[in-house]
N, C-alpha and C. Protein backbone atom coordinates (compact mmCIF):
# COMPACT_ATOMS: atom_id res chain seq x y z
N MET A 1 16.51 0.86 23.40
CA MET A 1 16.89 1.16 22.04
C MET A 1 16.12 2.36 21.50
N LEU A 2 14.86 2.45 21.83
CA LEU A 2 14.03 3.51 21.27
C LEU A 2 13.73 4.61 22.29
N ASN A 3 14.67 4.84 23.20
CA ASN A 3 14.42 5.82 24.25
C ASN A 3 14.89 7.23 23.89
N THR A 4 15.48 7.44 22.71
CA THR A 4 15.88 8.78 22.30
C THR A 4 15.02 9.22 21.12
N ALA A 5 14.93 10.52 20.94
CA ALA A 5 14.14 11.05 19.83
C ALA A 5 14.71 10.58 18.48
N ARG A 6 16.02 10.55 18.38
CA ARG A 6 16.65 10.13 17.12
C ARG A 6 16.32 8.68 16.78
N SER A 7 16.43 7.80 17.75
CA SER A 7 16.15 6.39 17.48
C SER A 7 14.67 6.17 17.18
N SER A 8 13.79 6.91 17.84
CA SER A 8 12.36 6.80 17.55
C SER A 8 12.04 7.28 16.14
N VAL A 9 12.68 8.36 15.72
CA VAL A 9 12.48 8.86 14.35
C VAL A 9 12.93 7.82 13.35
N LEU A 10 14.10 7.23 13.58
CA LEU A 10 14.62 6.23 12.64
C LEU A 10 13.79 4.96 12.64
N ALA A 11 13.34 4.52 13.80
CA ALA A 11 12.62 3.25 13.90
C ALA A 11 11.16 3.37 13.50
N TRP A 12 10.52 4.51 13.78
CA TRP A 12 9.08 4.63 13.59
C TRP A 12 8.65 5.72 12.63
N TRP A 13 9.06 6.93 12.91
CA TRP A 13 8.49 8.06 12.16
C TRP A 13 8.96 8.11 10.72
N LEU A 14 10.19 7.73 10.44
CA LEU A 14 10.68 7.71 9.07
C LEU A 14 9.92 6.67 8.23
N PRO A 15 9.83 5.42 8.67
CA PRO A 15 9.07 4.45 7.85
C PRO A 15 7.58 4.78 7.79
N LEU A 16 7.02 5.28 8.88
CA LEU A 16 5.61 5.66 8.85
C LEU A 16 5.37 6.80 7.87
N GLY A 17 6.26 7.79 7.87
CA GLY A 17 6.17 8.89 6.93
C GLY A 17 6.30 8.40 5.49
N ALA A 18 7.21 7.45 5.26
CA ALA A 18 7.37 6.88 3.92
C ALA A 18 6.08 6.20 3.46
N MET A 19 5.42 5.48 4.37
CA MET A 19 4.16 4.82 4.02
C MET A 19 3.09 5.84 3.64
N ILE A 20 3.01 6.91 4.39
CA ILE A 20 2.01 7.95 4.11
C ILE A 20 2.32 8.65 2.79
N LEU A 21 3.58 9.00 2.59
CA LEU A 21 3.96 9.66 1.35
C LEU A 21 3.79 8.77 0.12
N ALA A 22 3.81 7.45 0.32
CA ALA A 22 3.67 6.51 -0.79
C ALA A 22 2.22 6.31 -1.23
N ILE A 23 1.27 6.82 -0.49
CA ILE A 23 -0.14 6.57 -0.81
C ILE A 23 -0.51 6.93 -2.25
N PRO A 24 -0.10 8.10 -2.77
CA PRO A 24 -0.51 8.41 -4.15
C PRO A 24 0.31 7.71 -5.24
N LEU A 25 1.33 6.97 -4.88
CA LEU A 25 2.20 6.32 -5.85
C LEU A 25 1.53 5.10 -6.48
N PRO A 26 2.05 4.63 -7.63
CA PRO A 26 1.53 3.39 -8.23
C PRO A 26 1.64 2.22 -7.26
N ASP A 27 0.75 1.25 -7.42
CA ASP A 27 0.65 0.14 -6.46
C ASP A 27 1.96 -0.62 -6.27
N LEU A 28 2.69 -0.88 -7.34
CA LEU A 28 3.92 -1.66 -7.19
C LEU A 28 4.96 -0.93 -6.33
N LEU A 29 5.12 0.35 -6.56
CA LEU A 29 6.07 1.14 -5.76
C LEU A 29 5.57 1.30 -4.33
N LYS A 30 4.27 1.53 -4.19
CA LYS A 30 3.68 1.64 -2.85
C LYS A 30 3.86 0.33 -2.08
N THR A 31 3.65 -0.79 -2.76
CA THR A 31 3.82 -2.09 -2.11
C THR A 31 5.24 -2.26 -1.60
N LEU A 32 6.21 -1.92 -2.44
CA LEU A 32 7.61 -2.04 -2.04
C LEU A 32 7.91 -1.18 -0.82
N ILE A 33 7.46 0.06 -0.83
CA ILE A 33 7.72 0.98 0.29
C ILE A 33 7.04 0.48 1.56
N TRP A 34 5.79 0.04 1.44
CA TRP A 34 5.07 -0.43 2.62
C TRP A 34 5.70 -1.69 3.19
N VAL A 35 6.11 -2.61 2.33
CA VAL A 35 6.75 -3.84 2.81
C VAL A 35 8.05 -3.52 3.55
N LEU A 36 8.86 -2.65 2.97
CA LEU A 36 10.11 -2.27 3.63
C LEU A 36 9.86 -1.55 4.94
N ALA A 37 8.88 -0.66 4.96
CA ALA A 37 8.57 0.08 6.19
C ALA A 37 8.04 -0.85 7.29
N LEU A 38 7.15 -1.76 6.92
CA LEU A 38 6.61 -2.70 7.91
C LEU A 38 7.71 -3.62 8.43
N ALA A 39 8.58 -4.08 7.55
CA ALA A 39 9.70 -4.93 7.97
C ALA A 39 10.64 -4.17 8.90
N TRP A 40 10.90 -2.91 8.58
CA TRP A 40 11.78 -2.08 9.41
C TRP A 40 11.18 -1.87 10.79
N MET A 41 9.90 -1.47 10.84
CA MET A 41 9.26 -1.21 12.13
C MET A 41 9.08 -2.50 12.93
N GLY A 42 8.67 -3.58 12.26
CA GLY A 42 8.52 -4.86 12.95
C GLY A 42 9.83 -5.36 13.50
N GLY A 43 10.90 -5.23 12.70
CA GLY A 43 12.23 -5.63 13.17
C GLY A 43 12.69 -4.80 14.35
N ALA A 44 12.41 -3.50 14.31
CA ALA A 44 12.78 -2.62 15.43
C ALA A 44 12.05 -3.05 16.69
N CYS A 45 10.79 -3.41 16.57
CA CYS A 45 10.03 -3.86 17.74
C CYS A 45 10.60 -5.16 18.30
N VAL A 46 10.89 -6.10 17.43
CA VAL A 46 11.43 -7.39 17.88
C VAL A 46 12.75 -7.17 18.60
N LEU A 47 13.64 -6.37 18.01
CA LEU A 47 14.92 -6.08 18.66
C LEU A 47 14.72 -5.37 19.99
N ASN A 48 13.81 -4.42 20.01
CA ASN A 48 13.56 -3.67 21.24
C ASN A 48 13.00 -4.56 22.34
N SER A 49 12.15 -5.51 21.99
CA SER A 49 11.58 -6.39 23.02
C SER A 49 12.66 -7.28 23.62
N ARG A 50 13.61 -7.67 22.82
CA ARG A 50 14.71 -8.51 23.33
C ARG A 50 15.67 -7.73 24.20
N ARG A 51 15.86 -6.46 23.88
CA ARG A 51 16.83 -5.65 24.62
C ARG A 51 16.27 -5.11 25.93
N CYS A 52 15.02 -4.63 25.88
CA CYS A 52 14.51 -3.96 27.09
C CYS A 52 13.34 -4.69 27.73
N GLY A 53 12.76 -5.67 27.05
CA GLY A 53 11.65 -6.42 27.63
C GLY A 53 10.31 -5.71 27.57
N ARG A 54 10.17 -4.72 26.71
CA ARG A 54 8.91 -3.99 26.59
C ARG A 54 7.82 -4.94 26.10
N VAL A 55 6.73 -5.03 26.81
CA VAL A 55 5.68 -6.01 26.54
C VAL A 55 5.06 -5.82 25.16
N HIS A 56 4.66 -4.60 24.83
CA HIS A 56 3.94 -4.44 23.56
C HIS A 56 4.81 -4.78 22.36
N CYS A 57 6.12 -4.58 22.46
CA CYS A 57 7.00 -4.90 21.34
C CYS A 57 7.02 -6.39 21.03
N ARG A 58 6.79 -7.20 22.06
CA ARG A 58 6.76 -8.64 21.87
C ARG A 58 5.61 -9.04 20.93
N TYR A 59 4.57 -8.23 20.87
CA TYR A 59 3.40 -8.54 20.05
C TYR A 59 3.27 -7.65 18.82
N THR A 60 3.65 -6.38 18.92
CA THR A 60 3.53 -5.50 17.75
C THR A 60 4.56 -5.85 16.69
N GLY A 61 5.74 -6.30 17.08
CA GLY A 61 6.75 -6.69 16.10
C GLY A 61 6.26 -7.78 15.17
N PRO A 62 5.84 -8.93 15.71
CA PRO A 62 5.32 -9.99 14.83
C PRO A 62 4.07 -9.55 14.07
N PHE A 63 3.22 -8.75 14.68
CA PHE A 63 2.03 -8.26 13.99
C PHE A 63 2.42 -7.45 12.75
N LEU A 64 3.36 -6.52 12.91
CA LEU A 64 3.79 -5.71 11.77
C LEU A 64 4.45 -6.57 10.70
N LEU A 65 5.22 -7.55 11.10
CA LEU A 65 5.84 -8.44 10.12
C LEU A 65 4.77 -9.27 9.40
N LEU A 66 3.74 -9.69 10.10
CA LEU A 66 2.65 -10.43 9.45
C LEU A 66 1.82 -9.54 8.52
N MET A 67 1.75 -8.25 8.80
CA MET A 67 1.01 -7.33 7.94
C MET A 67 1.64 -7.23 6.55
N ILE A 68 2.87 -7.68 6.41
CA ILE A 68 3.51 -7.69 5.10
C ILE A 68 2.73 -8.59 4.13
N LEU A 69 2.18 -9.69 4.63
CA LEU A 69 1.48 -10.63 3.75
C LEU A 69 0.25 -10.02 3.07
N PRO A 70 -0.68 -9.40 3.81
CA PRO A 70 -1.81 -8.78 3.10
C PRO A 70 -1.40 -7.61 2.21
N VAL A 71 -0.36 -6.88 2.61
CA VAL A 71 0.12 -5.77 1.77
C VAL A 71 0.66 -6.33 0.45
N LEU A 72 1.45 -7.38 0.52
CA LEU A 72 1.93 -8.02 -0.70
C LEU A 72 0.78 -8.59 -1.53
N GLY A 73 -0.15 -9.25 -0.86
CA GLY A 73 -1.29 -9.83 -1.57
C GLY A 73 -2.09 -8.79 -2.34
N HIS A 74 -2.38 -7.68 -1.68
CA HIS A 74 -3.16 -6.62 -2.33
C HIS A 74 -2.31 -5.88 -3.37
N GLY A 75 -1.10 -5.55 -3.01
CA GLY A 75 -0.24 -4.78 -3.91
C GLY A 75 0.10 -5.51 -5.20
N LEU A 76 0.20 -6.83 -5.13
CA LEU A 76 0.51 -7.62 -6.32
C LEU A 76 -0.74 -8.11 -7.03
N GLY A 77 -1.92 -7.76 -6.51
CA GLY A 77 -3.17 -8.13 -7.15
C GLY A 77 -3.62 -9.56 -6.89
N ILE A 78 -2.97 -10.24 -5.96
CA ILE A 78 -3.34 -11.62 -5.64
C ILE A 78 -4.64 -11.65 -4.84
N VAL A 79 -4.78 -10.72 -3.91
CA VAL A 79 -5.97 -10.59 -3.08
C VAL A 79 -6.48 -9.15 -3.21
N PRO A 80 -7.26 -8.88 -4.25
CA PRO A 80 -7.74 -7.50 -4.43
C PRO A 80 -8.73 -7.11 -3.33
N LEU A 81 -8.47 -5.97 -2.72
CA LEU A 81 -9.32 -5.49 -1.63
C LEU A 81 -10.19 -4.31 -2.05
N GLY A 82 -10.25 -4.06 -3.35
CA GLY A 82 -11.10 -2.98 -3.85
C GLY A 82 -10.39 -1.64 -3.84
N GLU A 83 -11.16 -0.62 -4.19
CA GLU A 83 -10.60 0.73 -4.30
C GLU A 83 -10.08 1.27 -2.97
N SER A 84 -10.64 0.83 -1.88
CA SER A 84 -10.23 1.30 -0.55
C SER A 84 -9.27 0.34 0.13
N GLY A 85 -8.68 -0.56 -0.63
CA GLY A 85 -7.81 -1.58 -0.05
C GLY A 85 -6.64 -1.01 0.75
N TRP A 86 -5.99 0.01 0.20
CA TRP A 86 -4.85 0.60 0.89
C TRP A 86 -5.29 1.30 2.17
N LEU A 87 -6.45 1.93 2.12
CA LEU A 87 -6.99 2.56 3.33
C LEU A 87 -7.23 1.51 4.40
N TRP A 88 -7.86 0.39 4.01
CA TRP A 88 -8.14 -0.67 4.98
C TRP A 88 -6.85 -1.26 5.55
N LEU A 89 -5.87 -1.47 4.69
CA LEU A 89 -4.60 -2.01 5.17
C LEU A 89 -3.93 -1.06 6.15
N GLY A 90 -3.97 0.23 5.85
CA GLY A 90 -3.40 1.22 6.76
C GLY A 90 -4.13 1.27 8.09
N LEU A 91 -5.46 1.19 8.03
CA LEU A 91 -6.25 1.21 9.27
C LEU A 91 -6.02 -0.05 10.10
N VAL A 92 -5.94 -1.19 9.46
CA VAL A 92 -5.69 -2.44 10.20
C VAL A 92 -4.29 -2.40 10.82
N ALA A 93 -3.29 -1.98 10.05
CA ALA A 93 -1.92 -1.92 10.58
C ALA A 93 -1.82 -0.91 11.73
N GLY A 94 -2.30 0.30 11.51
CA GLY A 94 -2.21 1.33 12.55
C GLY A 94 -3.10 1.05 13.74
N GLY A 95 -4.34 0.68 13.47
CA GLY A 95 -5.28 0.37 14.55
C GLY A 95 -4.88 -0.87 15.32
N GLY A 96 -4.44 -1.88 14.60
CA GLY A 96 -4.00 -3.12 15.26
C GLY A 96 -2.80 -2.89 16.15
N MET A 97 -1.86 -2.10 15.64
CA MET A 97 -0.67 -1.80 16.43
C MET A 97 -1.03 -1.01 17.69
N ALA A 98 -1.91 -0.02 17.53
CA ALA A 98 -2.33 0.78 18.70
C ALA A 98 -3.07 -0.08 19.71
N LEU A 99 -3.96 -0.93 19.23
CA LEU A 99 -4.73 -1.81 20.12
C LEU A 99 -3.82 -2.80 20.84
N ILE A 100 -2.88 -3.37 20.12
CA ILE A 100 -1.94 -4.31 20.75
C ILE A 100 -1.09 -3.59 21.79
N TRP A 101 -0.62 -2.40 21.45
CA TRP A 101 0.21 -1.63 22.37
C TRP A 101 -0.56 -1.32 23.65
N TRP A 102 -1.74 -0.76 23.49
CA TRP A 102 -2.54 -0.38 24.64
C TRP A 102 -2.97 -1.61 25.44
N GLY A 103 -3.53 -2.60 24.76
CA GLY A 103 -4.08 -3.77 25.44
C GLY A 103 -3.05 -4.63 26.14
N SER A 104 -1.94 -4.89 25.46
CA SER A 104 -0.94 -5.78 26.06
C SER A 104 -0.32 -5.16 27.31
N GLU A 105 -0.05 -3.86 27.27
CA GLU A 105 0.56 -3.24 28.45
C GLU A 105 -0.45 -3.00 29.56
N ARG A 106 -1.68 -2.86 29.19
CA ARG A 106 -2.73 -2.70 30.20
C ARG A 106 -2.95 -4.01 30.96
N ILE A 107 -2.90 -5.12 30.22
CA ILE A 107 -3.13 -6.44 30.82
C ILE A 107 -1.87 -6.99 31.48
N LEU A 108 -0.73 -6.90 30.79
CA LEU A 108 0.49 -7.56 31.24
C LEU A 108 1.51 -6.63 31.90
N GLY A 109 1.27 -5.34 31.89
CA GLY A 109 2.25 -4.39 32.42
C GLY A 109 3.17 -3.91 31.33
N ARG A 110 4.04 -2.98 31.68
CA ARG A 110 4.90 -2.36 30.67
C ARG A 110 6.13 -3.17 30.33
N TYR A 111 6.72 -3.80 31.32
CA TYR A 111 7.94 -4.58 31.10
C TYR A 111 7.80 -5.98 31.65
N ARG A 112 8.53 -6.90 31.08
CA ARG A 112 8.57 -8.30 31.56
C ARG A 112 10.00 -8.75 31.61
């Protein structure tokens, strides 16, 4: 599913770009954009893992979908993470995804 430049842009780079561009926006709008982007990317991973069997997608998809919870918590003020909360959320999402991608395929191989 994600083997062409166009599909990769739609599945990853567009939502990632939206998250980055949303950083200076008010928290409520930023929360909405981040939740939609994480849901889009997580859904793309889940679909991709079912179609092609890519190992990291089996884990990054659910991880990205779970990242919606802390984003909602912080964005709605339920779990305030301080002035650097958005930075921490971005680092956890990006770093966690990279670590899962690298680690899962290193341990389990690329496809299953």
